[in-house]
Amino acid sequence: LWGGFSINNATLNRFYSLHFILPFIILFMVIMHLVFLHEKGSTNPMGINSNYNKIPSNPYFSIKDTLGFIILLSLLLLICLMNPYILSDPENFNQANSMITPIHIQPEWYFLL
């Protein structure tokens, strides 16, 4: 990512490459983590190696995680559908008039970073 004193083509290409490749690397690492957990299992803090109280990961925790994801997605969808303008600017509701400039013209918050 080392570049010059200004942002030019080389810097942008490096950042775009990093942002494209990084999710695939993270996905690969998560899959490898799950494979190793499935093959070797995990250890507990006590260091006891007993198969008596172990719960298999696939049916129970997968269903629990999927159910949690569905519940959170449903809540987010409910909030977005019940109040879609919760984060919008009040100036967006004024009728457009090319002769009057709004008092406070400011970019969105993500452009200020």
Foldseek 3Di string as FASTA:
>chain_A
DDDDPDDDDVNVVVVVVCVVCVVVVVVVVVVVVVVCCQPPNDADPVRDDDPPPDDDCPPPVVVVVVVVVVVVVVVVVVVCVVCVCPPPDPVVPDDDDPVDDDPDDDDDPVVVD
